[in-house]
């Protein structure tokens, strides 16, 4: 019996015995992998606490909220209006990213 077969057998046995029923992370995805940019995350957290987040980050948050509003829209008119706002936010973000790239490359 290979290692994979043994592993699959043990997982199936644990599931049938109900040993994972009380496990708090059962059927939940793994937490995101801790990356090397912990200093960046800490920096963004400090900036957010002081109210000095870069405009680019604020726009990304607004775009995420606009996606939620677009999915929550019921009628075609509401969806069109939400989509227009989303496109405008994405355009502004693109312009600001291009300006930042030009500033740092020149």
PDB file of N, CA and C in Angstrom:
ATOM      1  N   UNK A   1       0.846  -1.176   0.000  1.00  0.00           N
ATOM      2  CA  UNK A   1       0.000   0.000   0.000  1.00  0.00           C
ATOM      3  C   UNK A   1       0.896   1.246   0.000  1.00  0.00           C
ATOM      4  N   UNK A   2       0.627   2.181  -0.895  1.00  0.00           N
ATOM      5  CA  UNK A   2       1.459   3.377  -0.978  1.00  0.00           C
ATOM      6  C   UNK A   2       1.086   4.374   0.122  1.00  0.00           C
ATOM      7  N   UNK A   3       1.924   5.371   0.285  1.00  0.00           N
ATOM      8  CA  UNK A   3       1.674   6.387   1.313  1.00  0.00           C
ATOM      9  C   UNK A   3       0.383   7.148   1.030  1.00  0.00           C
ATOM     10  N   UNK A   4       0.120   7.430  -0.237  1.00  0.00           N
ATOM     11  CA  UNK A   4      -1.101   8.154  -0.595  1.00  0.00           C
ATOM     12  C   UNK A   4      -2.343   7.348  -0.252  1.00  0.00           C
ATOM     13  N   UNK A   5      -2.284   6.042  -0.506  1.00  0.00           N
ATOM     14  CA  UNK A   5      -3.429   5.189  -0.183  1.00  0.00           C
ATOM     15  C   UNK A   5      -3.673   5.143   1.320  1.00  0.00           C
ATOM     16  N   UNK A   6      -2.593   5.046   2.085  1.00  0.00           N
ATOM     17  CA  UNK A   6      -2.724   5.018   3.545  1.00  0.00           C
ATOM     18  C   UNK A   6      -3.309   6.332   4.048  1.00  0.00           C
ATOM     19  N   UNK A   7      -2.817   7.431   3.502  1.00  0.00           N
ATOM     20  CA  UNK A   7      -3.317   8.749   3.905  1.00  0.00           C
ATOM     21  C   UNK A   7      -4.794   8.885   3.591  1.00  0.00           C
ATOM     22  N   UNK A   8      -5.188   8.517   2.380  1.00  0.00           N
ATOM     23  CA  UNK A   8      -6.596   8.602   1.994  1.00  0.00           C
ATOM     24  C   UNK A   8      -7.460   7.708   2.879  1.00  0.00           C
ATOM     25  N   UNK A   9      -6.963   6.522   3.200  1.00  0.00           N
ATOM     26  CA  UNK A   9      -7.705   5.604   4.064  1.00  0.00           C
ATOM     27  C   UNK A   9      -7.901   6.211   5.451  1.00  0.00           C
ATOM     28  N   UNK A  10      -6.836   6.779   6.014  1.00  0.00           N
ATOM     29  CA  UNK A  10      -6.935   7.361   7.357  1.00  0.00           C
ATOM     30  C   UNK A  10      -7.874   8.567   7.380  1.00  0.00           C
ATOM     31  N   UNK A  11      -7.825   9.390   6.353  1.00  0.00           N
ATOM     32  CA  UNK A  11      -8.726  10.544   6.278  1.00  0.00           C
ATOM     33  C   UNK A  11     -10.170  10.077   6.195  1.00  0.00           C
ATOM     34  N   UNK A  12     -10.433   9.079   5.360  1.00  0.00           N
ATOM     35  CA  UNK A  12     -11.800   8.555   5.238  1.00  0.00           C
ATOM     36  C   UNK A  12     -12.271   7.955   6.560  1.00  0.00           C
ATOM     37  N   UNK A  13     -11.390   7.257   7.261  1.00  0.00           N
ATOM     38  CA  UNK A  13     -11.753   6.645   8.542  1.00  0.00           C
ATOM     39  C   UNK A  13     -12.076   7.711   9.586  1.00  0.00           C
ATOM     40  N   UNK A  14     -11.276   8.762   9.643  1.00  0.00           N
ATOM     41  CA  UNK A  14     -11.515   9.845  10.600  1.00  0.00           C
ATOM     42  C   UNK A  14     -12.841  10.530  10.304  1.00  0.00           C
ATOM     43  N   UNK A  15     -13.137  10.739   9.020  1.00  0.00           N
ATOM     44  CA  UNK A  15     -14.404  11.376   8.654  1.00  0.00           C
ATOM     45  C   UNK A  15     -15.592  10.508   9.033  1.00  0.00           C
ATOM     46  N   UNK A  16     -15.498   9.214   8.792  1.00  0.00           N
ATOM     47  CA  UNK A  16     -16.632   8.337   9.121  1.00  0.00           C
ATOM     48  C   UNK A  16     -16.805   8.191  10.622  1.00  0.00           C
ATOM     49  N   UNK A  17     -15.724   8.263  11.389  1.00  0.00           N
ATOM     50  CA  UNK A  17     -15.829   8.191  12.849  1.00  0.00           C
ATOM     51  C   UNK A  17     -16.349   9.493  13.446  1.00  0.00           C
ATOM     52  N   UNK A  18     -16.375  10.560  12.655  1.00  0.00           N
ATOM     53  CA  UNK A  18     -16.893  11.836  13.132  1.00  0.00           C
ATOM     54  C   UNK A  18     -15.918  12.598  14.009  1.00  0.00           C
ATOM     55  N   UNK A  19     -14.644  12.319  13.872  1.00  0.00           N
ATOM     56  CA  UNK A  19     -13.654  12.984  14.718  1.00  0.00           C
ATOM     57  C   UNK A  19     -13.398  14.432  14.310  1.00  0.00           C
ATOM     58  N   UNK A  20     -13.771  14.805  13.093  1.00  0.00           N
ATOM     59  CA  UNK A  20     -13.564  16.183  12.643  1.00  0.00           C
ATOM     60  C   UNK A  20     -14.794  17.060  12.855  1.00  0.00           C
ATOM     61  N   UNK A  21     -15.853  16.518  13.428  1.00  0.00           N
ATOM     62  CA  UNK A  21     -17.087  17.291  13.578  1.00  0.00           C
ATOM     63  C   UNK A  21     -16.899  18.523  14.456  1.00  0.00           C
ATOM     64  N   UNK A  22     -16.138  18.426  15.525  1.00  0.00           N
ATOM     65  CA  UNK A  22     -15.946  19.560  16.419  1.00  0.00           C
ATOM     66  C   UNK A  22     -14.725  20.391  16.097  1.00  0.00           C
ATOM     67  N   UNK A  23     -14.026  20.036  15.052  1.00  0.00           N
ATOM     68  CA  UNK A  23     -12.807  20.751  14.693  1.00  0.00           C
ATOM     69  C   UNK A  23     -13.172  22.112  14.132  1.00  0.00           C
ATOM     70  N   UNK A  24     -12.590  23.172  14.691  1.00  0.00           N
ATOM     71  CA  UNK A  24     -13.017  24.527  14.337  1.00  0.00           C
ATOM     72  C   UNK A  24     -12.649  24.940  12.914  1.00  0.00           C
ATOM     73  N   UNK A  25     -11.646  24.314  12.297  1.00  0.00           N
ATOM     74  CA  UNK A  25     -11.272  24.691  10.935  1.00  0.00           C
ATOM     75  C   UNK A  25     -11.752  23.696   9.901  1.00  0.00           C
ATOM     76  N   UNK A  26     -12.654  22.819  10.280  1.00  0.00           N
ATOM     77  CA  UNK A  26     -13.162  21.839   9.325  1.00  0.00           C
ATOM     78  C   UNK A  26     -13.928  22.560   8.221  1.00  0.00           C
ATOM     79  N   UNK A  27     -13.696  22.164   7.004  1.00  0.00           N
ATOM     80  CA  UNK A  27     -14.354  22.712   5.811  1.00  0.00           C
ATOM     81  C   UNK A  27     -14.072  24.201   5.603  1.00  0.00           C
ATOM     82  N   UNK A  28     -12.982  24.686   6.121  1.00  0.00           N
ATOM     83  CA  UNK A  28     -12.596  26.078   5.905  1.00  0.00           C
ATOM     84  C   UNK A  28     -11.255  26.083   5.186  1.00  0.00           C
ATOM     85  N   UNK A  29     -11.027  27.076   4.334  1.00  0.00           N
ATOM     86  CA  UNK A  29      -9.744  27.120   3.637  1.00  0.00           C
ATOM     87  C   UNK A  29      -8.604  27.447   4.598  1.00  0.00           C
ATOM     88  N   UNK A  30      -7.419  27.118   4.168  1.00  0.00           N
ATOM     89  CA  UNK A  30      -6.247  27.440   4.967  1.00  0.00           C
ATOM     90  C   UNK A  30      -6.115  28.953   5.081  1.00  0.00           C
ATOM     91  N   UNK A  31      -5.579  29.434   6.183  1.00  0.00           N
ATOM     92  CA  UNK A  31      -5.325  30.872   6.261  1.00  0.00           C
ATOM     93  C   UNK A  31      -4.252  31.251   5.247  1.00  0.00           C
ATOM     94  N   UNK A  32      -4.239  32.506   4.808  1.00  0.00           N
ATOM     95  CA  UNK A  32      -3.245  32.890   3.810  1.00  0.00           C
ATOM     96  C   UNK A  32      -1.827  32.683   4.337  1.00  0.00           C
ATOM     97  N   UNK A  33      -0.966  32.293   3.442  1.00  0.00           N
ATOM     98  CA  UNK A  33       0.418  32.026   3.810  1.00  0.00           C
ATOM     99  C   UNK A  33       1.092  33.334   4.217  1.00  0.00           C
ATOM    100  N   UNK A  34       1.818  33.282   5.318  1.00  0.00           N
ATOM    101  CA  UNK A  34       2.520  34.471   5.787  1.00  0.00           C
ATOM    102  C   UNK A  34       3.642  34.768   4.810  1.00  0.00           C
ATOM    103  N   UNK A  35       3.635  35.934   4.251  1.00  0.00           N
ATOM    104  CA  UNK A  35       4.626  36.260   3.234  1.00  0.00           C
ATOM    105  C   UNK A  35       5.769  37.066   3.848  1.00  0.00           C
ATOM    106  N   UNK A  36       6.699  37.406   3.006  1.00  0.00           N
ATOM    107  CA  UNK A  36       7.875  38.144   3.463  1.00  0.00           C
ATOM    108  C   UNK A  36       7.614  39.635   3.612  1.00  0.00           C
ATOM    109  N   UNK A  37       6.444  40.090   3.219  1.00  0.00           N
ATOM    110  CA  UNK A  37       6.181  41.522   3.273  1.00  0.00           C
ATOM    111  C   UNK A  37       5.507  41.931   4.585  1.00  0.00           C
ATOM    112  N   UNK A  38       5.917  41.338   5.690  1.00  0.00           N
ATOM    113  CA  UNK A  38       5.314  41.684   6.981  1.00  0.00           C
ATOM    114  C   UNK A  38       5.621  43.125   7.356  1.00  0.00           C
ATOM    115  N   UNK A  39       6.780  43.623   6.935  1.00  0.00           N
ATOM    116  CA  UNK A  39       7.110  45.017   7.214  1.00  0.00           C
ATOM    117  C   UNK A  39       6.183  45.956   6.445  1.00  0.00           C
ATOM    118  N   UNK A  40       5.846  45.568   5.210  1.00  0.00           N
ATOM    119  CA  UNK A  40       4.904  46.378   4.429  1.00  0.00           C
ATOM    120  C   UNK A  40       3.534  46.380   5.083  1.00  0.00           C
ATOM    121  N   UNK A  41       3.096  45.209   5.547  1.00  0.00           N
ATOM    122  CA  UNK A  41       1.799  45.121   6.211  1.00  0.00           C
ATOM    123  C   UNK A  41       1.780  45.975   7.470  1.00  0.00           C
ATOM    124  N   UNK A  42       2.864  45.910   8.237  1.00  0.00           N
ATOM    125  CA  UNK A  42       2.940  46.723   9.453  1.00  0.00           C
ATOM    126  C   UNK A  42       2.932  48.203   9.098  1.00  0.00           C
ATOM    127  N   UNK A  43       3.641  48.556   8.041  1.00  0.00           N
ATOM    128  CA  UNK A  43       3.656  49.954   7.612  1.00  0.00           C
ATOM    129  C   UNK A  43       2.283  50.439   7.188  1.00  0.00           C
ATOM    130  N   UNK A  44       1.560  49.620   6.424  1.00  0.00           N
ATOM    131  CA  UNK A  44       0.213  50.002   6.002  1.00  0.00           C
ATOM    132  C   UNK A  44      -0.734  50.103   7.195  1.00  0.00           C
ATOM    133  N   UNK A  45      -0.556  49.219   8.172  1.00  0.00           N
ATOM    134  CA  UNK A  45      -1.400  49.276   9.370  1.00  0.00           C
ATOM    135  C   UNK A  45      -1.149  50.579  10.122  1.00  0.00           C
ATOM    136  N   UNK A  46       0.117  50.969  10.257  1.00  0.00           N
ATOM    137  CA  UNK A  46       0.446  52.220  10.943  1.00  0.00           C
ATOM    138  C   UNK A  46      -0.111  53.407  10.168  1.00  0.00           C
ATOM    139  N   UNK A  47       0.038  53.385   8.848  1.00  0.00           N
ATOM    140  CA  UNK A  47      -0.512  54.470   8.028  1.00  0.00           C
ATOM    141  C   UNK A  47      -2.023  54.560   8.175  1.00  0.00           C
ATOM    142  N   UNK A  48      -2.686  53.405   8.209  1.00  0.00           N
ATOM    143  CA  UNK A  48      -4.143  53.400   8.337  1.00  0.00           C
ATOM    144  C   UNK A  48      -4.575  53.940   9.696  1.00  0.00           C
ATOM    145  N   UNK A  49      -3.852  53.570  10.744  1.00  0.00           N
ATOM    146  CA  UNK A  49      -4.207  54.045  12.080  1.00  0.00           C
ATOM    147  C   UNK A  49      -4.032  55.550  12.205  1.00  0.00           C
ATOM    148  N   UNK A  50      -3.048  56.107  11.504  1.00  0.00           N
ATOM    149  CA  UNK A  50      -2.828  57.549  11.572  1.00  0.00           C
ATOM    150  C   UNK A  50      -3.656  58.310  10.546  1.00  0.00           C
ATOM    151  N   UNK A  51      -4.360  57.582   9.687  1.00  0.00           N
ATOM    152  CA  UNK A  51      -5.203  58.229   8.686  1.00  0.00           C
ATOM    153  C   UNK A  51      -4.424  58.734   7.491  1.00  0.00           C
ATOM    154  N   UNK A  52      -3.280  58.153   7.218  1.00  0.00           N
ATOM    155  CA  UNK A  52      -2.436  58.624   6.126  1.00  0.00           C
ATOM    156  C   UNK A  52      -2.236  57.560   5.054  1.00  0.00           C
ATOM    157  N   UNK A  53      -3.277  56.794   4.759  1.00  0.00           N
ATOM    158  CA  UNK A  53      -3.162  55.764   3.723  1.00  0.00           C
ATOM    159  C   UNK A  53      -2.973  56.399   2.353  1.00  0.00           C
ATOM    160  N   UNK A  54      -2.154  55.793   1.509  1.00  0.00           N
ATOM    161  CA  UNK A  54      -2.015  56.304   0.146  1.00  0.00           C
ATOM    162  C   UNK A  54      -3.349  56.232  -0.605  1.00  0.00           C
ATOM    163  N   UNK A  55      -3.537  57.146  -1.506  1.00  0.00           N
ATOM    164  CA  UNK A  55      -4.788  57.212  -2.280  1.00  0.00           C
ATOM    165  C   UNK A  55      -5.024  55.913  -3.050  1.00  0.00           C
ATOM    166  N   UNK A  56      -3.954  55.282  -3.484  1.00  0.00           N
ATOM    167  CA  UNK A  56      -4.069  54.037  -4.245  1.00  0.00           C
ATOM    168  C   UNK A  56      -4.748  52.940  -3.413  1.00  0.00           C
ATOM    169  N   UNK A  57      -4.400  52.847  -2.152  1.00  0.00           N
ATOM    170  CA  UNK A  57      -4.989  51.844  -1.268  1.00  0.00           C
ATOM    171  C   UNK A  57      -6.459  52.165  -1.020  1.00  0.00           C
ATOM    172  N   UNK A  58      -6.760  53.439  -0.809  1.00  0.00           N
ATOM    173  CA  UNK A  58      -8.154  53.840  -0.609  1.00  0.00           C
ATOM    174  C   UNK A  58      -8.999  53.508  -1.836  1.00  0.00           C
ATOM    175  N   UNK A  59      -8.435  53.713  -3.026  1.00  0.00           N
ATOM    176  CA  UNK A  59      -9.162  53.400  -4.255  1.00  0.00           C
ATOM    177  C   UNK A  59      -9.393  51.900  -4.395  1.00  0.00           C
ATOM    178  N   UNK A  60      -8.411  51.086  -4.015  1.00  0.00           N
ATOM    179  CA  UNK A  60      -8.592  49.636  -4.085  1.00  0.00           C
ATOM    180  C   UNK A  60      -9.700  49.181  -3.146  1.00  0.00           C
ATOM    181  N   UNK A  61      -9.779  49.788  -1.966  1.00  0.00           N
ATOM    182  CA  UNK A  61     -10.859  49.456  -1.032  1.00  0.00           C
ATOM    183  C   UNK A  61     -12.208  49.888  -1.603  1.00  0.00           C
ATOM    184  N   UNK A  62     -12.237  51.072  -2.214  1.00  0.00           N
ATOM    185  CA  UNK A  62     -13.479  51.558  -2.807  1.00  0.00           C
ATOM    186  C   UNK A  62     -13.917  50.661  -3.964  1.00  0.00           C
ATOM    187  N   UNK A  63     -12.972  50.157  -4.733  1.00  0.00           N
ATOM    188  CA  UNK A  63     -13.297  49.253  -5.840  1.00  0.00           C
ATOM    189  C   UNK A  63     -13.880  47.954  -5.307  1.00  0.00           C
ATOM    190  N   UNK A  64     -13.312  47.431  -4.231  1.00  0.00           N
ATOM    191  CA  UNK A  64     -13.845  46.200  -3.630  1.00  0.00           C
ATOM    192  C   UNK A  64     -15.273  46.418  -3.130  1.00  0.00           C
ATOM    193  N   UNK A  65     -15.516  47.568  -2.506  1.00  0.00           N
ATOM    194  CA  UNK A  65     -16.871  47.882  -2.040  1.00  0.00           C
ATOM    195  C   UNK A  65     -17.828  48.042  -3.217  1.00  0.00           C
ATOM    196  N   UNK A  66     -17.331  48.614  -4.311  1.00  0.00           N
ATOM    197  CA  UNK A  66     -18.175  48.814  -5.484  1.00  0.00           C
ATOM    198  C   UNK A  66     -18.536  47.487  -6.136  1.00  0.00           C
ATOM    199  N   UNK A  67     -17.620  46.516  -6.116  1.00  0.00           N
ATOM    200  CA  UNK A  67     -17.941  45.177  -6.616  1.00  0.00           C
ATOM    201  C   UNK A  67     -19.090  44.573  -5.815  1.00  0.00           C
ATOM    202  N   UNK A  68     -19.047  44.755  -4.495  1.00  0.00           N
ATOM    203  CA  UNK A  68     -20.126  44.235  -3.653  1.00  0.00           C
ATOM    204  C   UNK A  68     -21.446  44.927  -3.979  1.00  0.00           C
ATOM    205  N   UNK A  69     -21.392  46.235  -4.186  1.00  0.00           N
ATOM    206  CA  UNK A  69     -22.605  46.973  -4.535  1.00  0.00           C
ATOM    207  C   UNK A  69     -23.138  46.525  -5.893  1.00  0.00           C
ATOM    208  N   UNK A  70     -22.244  46.227  -6.813  1.00  0.00           N
ATOM    209  CA  UNK A  70     -22.662  45.757  -8.136  1.00  0.00           C
ATOM    210  C   UNK A  70     -23.365  44.410  -8.038  1.00  0.00           C
ATOM    211  N   UNK A  71     -22.832  43.522  -7.206  1.00  0.00           N
ATOM    212  CA  UNK A  71     -23.458  42.209  -7.041  1.00  0.00           C
ATOM    213  C   UNK A  71     -24.778  42.306  -6.287  1.00  0.00           C
ATOM    214  N   UNK A  72     -24.936  43.330  -5.463  1.00  0.00           N
ATOM    215  CA  UNK A  72     -26.171  43.487  -4.698  1.00  0.00           C
ATOM    216  C   UNK A  72     -27.266  44.193  -5.500  1.00  0.00           C
ATOM    217  N   UNK A  73     -26.906  44.808  -6.623  1.00  0.00           N
ATOM    218  CA  UNK A  73     -27.891  45.533  -7.431  1.00  0.00           C
ATOM    219  C   UNK A  73     -28.934  44.570  -7.987  1.00  0.00           C
ATOM    220  N   UNK A  74     -30.185  45.015  -7.996  1.00  0.00           N
ATOM    221  CA  UNK A  74     -31.292  44.161  -8.422  1.00  0.00           C
ATOM    222  C   UNK A  74     -31.703  44.414  -9.875  1.00  0.00           C
ATOM    223  N   UNK A  75     -31.995  45.646 -10.200  1.00  0.00           N
ATOM    224  CA  UNK A  75     -32.510  45.949 -11.537  1.00  0.00           C
ATOM    225  C   UNK A  75     -31.363  46.233 -12.508  1.00  0.00           C
ATOM    226  N   UNK A  76     -31.703  46.250 -13.775  1.00  0.00           N
ATOM    227  CA  UNK A  76     -30.702  46.521 -14.807  1.00  0.00           C
ATOM    228  C   UNK A  76     -30.177  47.950 -14.693  1.00  0.00           C
ATOM    229  N   UNK A  77     -31.056  48.881 -14.324  1.00  0.00           N
ATOM    230  CA  UNK A  77     -30.632  50.276 -14.176  1.00  0.00           C
ATOM    231  C   UNK A  77     -29.650  50.432 -13.023  1.00  0.00           C
ATOM    232  N   UNK A  78     -29.935  49.752 -11.908  1.00  0.00           N
ATOM    233  CA  UNK A  78     -29.025  49.809 -10.762  1.00  0.00           C
ATOM    234  C   UNK A  78     -27.673  49.197 -11.122  1.00  0.00           C
ATOM    235  N   UNK A  79     -27.703  48.074 -11.820  1.00  0.00           N
ATOM    236  CA  UNK A  79     -26.453  47.422 -12.212  1.00  0.00           C
ATOM    237  C   UNK A  79     -25.637  48.315 -13.139  1.00  0.00           C
ATOM    238  N   UNK A  80     -26.323  48.975 -14.067  1.00  0.00           N
ATOM    239  CA  UNK A  80     -25.630  49.866 -14.990  1.00  0.00           C
ATOM    240  C   UNK A  80     -24.984  51.028 -14.240  1.00  0.00           C
ATOM    241  N   UNK A  81     -25.705  51.592 -13.273  1.00  0.00           N
ATOM    242  CA  UNK A  81     -25.174  52.703 -12.480  1.00  0.00           C
ATOM    243  C   UNK A  81     -23.975  52.253 -11.643  1.00  0.00           C
ATOM    244  N   UNK A  82     -24.087  51.089 -11.010  1.00  0.00           N
ATOM    245  CA  UNK A  82     -22.983  50.576 -10.192  1.00  0.00           C
ATOM    246  C   UNK A  82     -21.775  50.234 -11.071  1.00  0.00           C
ATOM    247  N   UNK A  83     -22.037  49.696 -12.256  1.00  0.00           N
ATOM    248  CA  UNK A  83     -20.948  49.363 -13.170  1.00  0.00           C
ATOM    249  C   UNK A  83     -20.242  50.626 -13.643  1.00  0.00           C
ATOM    250  N   UNK A  84     -20.997  51.687 -13.881  1.00  0.00           N
ATOM    251  CA  UNK A  84     -20.403  52.962 -14.300  1.00  0.00           C
ATOM    252  C   UNK A  84     -19.481  53.501 -13.207  1.00  0.00           C
ATOM    253  N   UNK A  85     -19.943  53.429 -11.949  1.00  0.00           N
ATOM    254  CA  UNK A  85     -19.120  53.896 -10.829  1.00  0.00           C
ATOM    255  C   UNK A  85     -17.855  53.051 -10.694  1.00  0.00           C
ATOM    256  N   UNK A  86     -18.001  51.732 -10.890  1.00  0.00           N
ATOM    257  CA  UNK A  86     -16.853  50.834 -10.801  1.00  0.00           C
ATOM    258  C   UNK A  86     -15.828  51.160 -11.886  1.00  0.00           C
ATOM    259  N   UNK A  87     -16.297  51.370 -13.104  1.00  0.00           N
ATOM    260  CA  UNK A  87     -15.393  51.688 -14.209  1.00  0.00           C
ATOM    261  C   UNK A  87     -14.661  53.004 -13.951  1.00  0.00           C
ATOM    262  N   UNK A  88     -15.365  53.962 -13.377  1.00  0.00           N
ATOM    263  CA  UNK A  88     -14.743  55.252 -13.073  1.00  0.00           C
ATOM    264  C   UNK A  88     -13.642  55.091 -12.016  1.00  0.00           C
ATOM    265  N   UNK A  89     -13.936  54.317 -10.972  1.00  0.00           N
ATOM    266  CA  UNK A  89     -12.933  54.084  -9.929  1.00  0.00           C
ATOM    267  C   UNK A  89     -11.715  53.355 -10.492  1.00  0.00           C
ATOM    268  N   UNK A  90     -11.953  52.371 -11.351  1.00  0.00           N
ATOM    269  CA  UNK A  90     -10.838  51.632 -11.941  1.00  0.00           C
ATOM    270  C   UNK A  90      -9.997  52.530 -12.848  1.00  0.00           C
ATOM    271  N   UNK A  91     -10.650  53.443 -13.554  1.00  0.00           N
ATOM    272  CA  UNK A  91      -9.931  54.365 -14.417  1.00  0.00           C
ATOM    273  C   UNK A  91      -9.050  55.295 -13.582  1.00  0.00           C
ATOM    274  N   UNK A  92      -9.602  55.833 -12.494  1.00  0.00           N
ATOM    275  CA  UNK A  92      -8.835  56.730 -11.631  1.00  0.00           C
ATOM    276  C   UNK A  92      -7.641  55.989 -11.029  1.00  0.00           C
ATOM    277  N   UNK A  93      -7.864  54.750 -10.598  1.00  0.00           N
ATOM    278  CA  UNK A  93      -6.770  53.955 -10.039  1.00  0.00           C
ATOM    279  C   UNK A  93      -5.682  53.730 -11.086  1.00  0.00           C
ATOM    280  N   UNK A  94      -6.067  53.411 -12.301  1.00  0.00           N
ATOM    281  CA  UNK A  94      -5.089  53.199 -13.365  1.00  0.00           C
ATOM    282  C   UNK A  94      -4.276  54.445 -13.661  1.00  0.00           C
ATOM    283  N   UNK A  95      -4.930  55.596 -13.682  1.00  0.00           N
ATOM    284  CA  UNK A  95      -4.230  56.855 -13.935  1.00  0.00           C
ATOM    285  C   UNK A  95      -3.227  57.132 -12.822  1.00  0.00           C
ATOM    286  N   UNK A  96      -3.644  56.921 -11.580  1.00  0.00           N
ATOM    287  CA  UNK A  96      -2.744  57.180 -10.456  1.00  0.00           C
ATOM    288  C   UNK A  96      -1.577  56.195 -10.430  1.00  0.00           C
ATOM    289  N   UNK A  97      -1.822  54.940 -10.789  1.00  0.00           N
ATOM    290  CA  UNK A  97      -0.725  53.968 -10.841  1.00  0.00           C
ATOM    291  C   UNK A  97       0.267  54.327 -11.941  1.00  0.00           C
ATOM    292  N   UNK A  98      -0.235  54.757 -13.093  1.00  0.00           N
ATOM    293  CA  UNK A  98       0.657  55.174 -14.175  1.00  0.00           C
ATOM    294  C   UNK A  98       1.487  56.386 -13.765  1.00  0.00           C
ATOM    295  N   UNK A  99       0.853  57.339 -13.084  1.00  0.00           N
ATOM    296  CA  UNK A  99       1.578  58.529 -12.632  1.00  0.00           C
ATOM    297  C   UNK A  99       2.668  58.153 -11.632  1.00  0.00           C
ATOM    298  N   UNK A 100       2.358  57.230 -10.739  1.00  0.00           N
ATOM    299  CA  UNK A 100       3.354  56.788  -9.755  1.00  0.00           C
ATOM    300  C   UNK A 100       4.517  56.093 -10.452  1.00  0.00           C
ATOM    301  N   UNK A 101       4.216  55.241 -11.419  1.00  0.00           N
ATOM    302  CA  UNK A 101       5.277  54.533 -12.142  1.00  0.00           C
ATOM    303  C   UNK A 101       6.188  55.511 -12.892  1.00  0.00           C
ATOM    304  N   UNK A 102       5.588  56.507 -13.531  1.00  0.00           N
ATOM    305  CA  UNK A 102       6.383  57.494 -14.258  1.00  0.00           C
ATOM    306  C   UNK A 102       7.254  58.294 -13.298  1.00  0.00           C
ATOM    307  N   UNK A 103       6.703  58.629 -12.138  1.00  0.00           N
ATOM    308  CA  UNK A 103       7.439  59.425 -11.162  1.00  0.00           C
ATOM    309  C   UNK A 103       8.668  58.672 -10.669  1.00  0.00           C
ATOM    310  N   UNK A 104       8.517  57.365 -10.410  1.00  0.00           N
ATOM    311  CA  UNK A 104       9.625  56.597  -9.853  1.00  0.00           C
ATOM    312  C   UNK A 104      10.588  56.063 -10.902  1.00  0.00           C
ATOM    313  N   UNK A 105      10.201  56.043 -12.173  1.00  0.00           N
ATOM    314  CA  UNK A 105      11.115  55.539 -13.204  1.00  0.00           C
ATOM    315  C   UNK A 105      11.913  56.657 -13.860  1.00  0.00           C
ATOM    316  N   UNK A 106      11.461  57.863 -13.776  1.00  0.00           N
ATOM    317  CA  UNK A 106      12.201  58.980 -14.408  1.00  0.00           C
ATOM    318  C   UNK A 106      13.247  59.542 -13.499  1.00  0.00           C
TER     319      UNK A 106
END
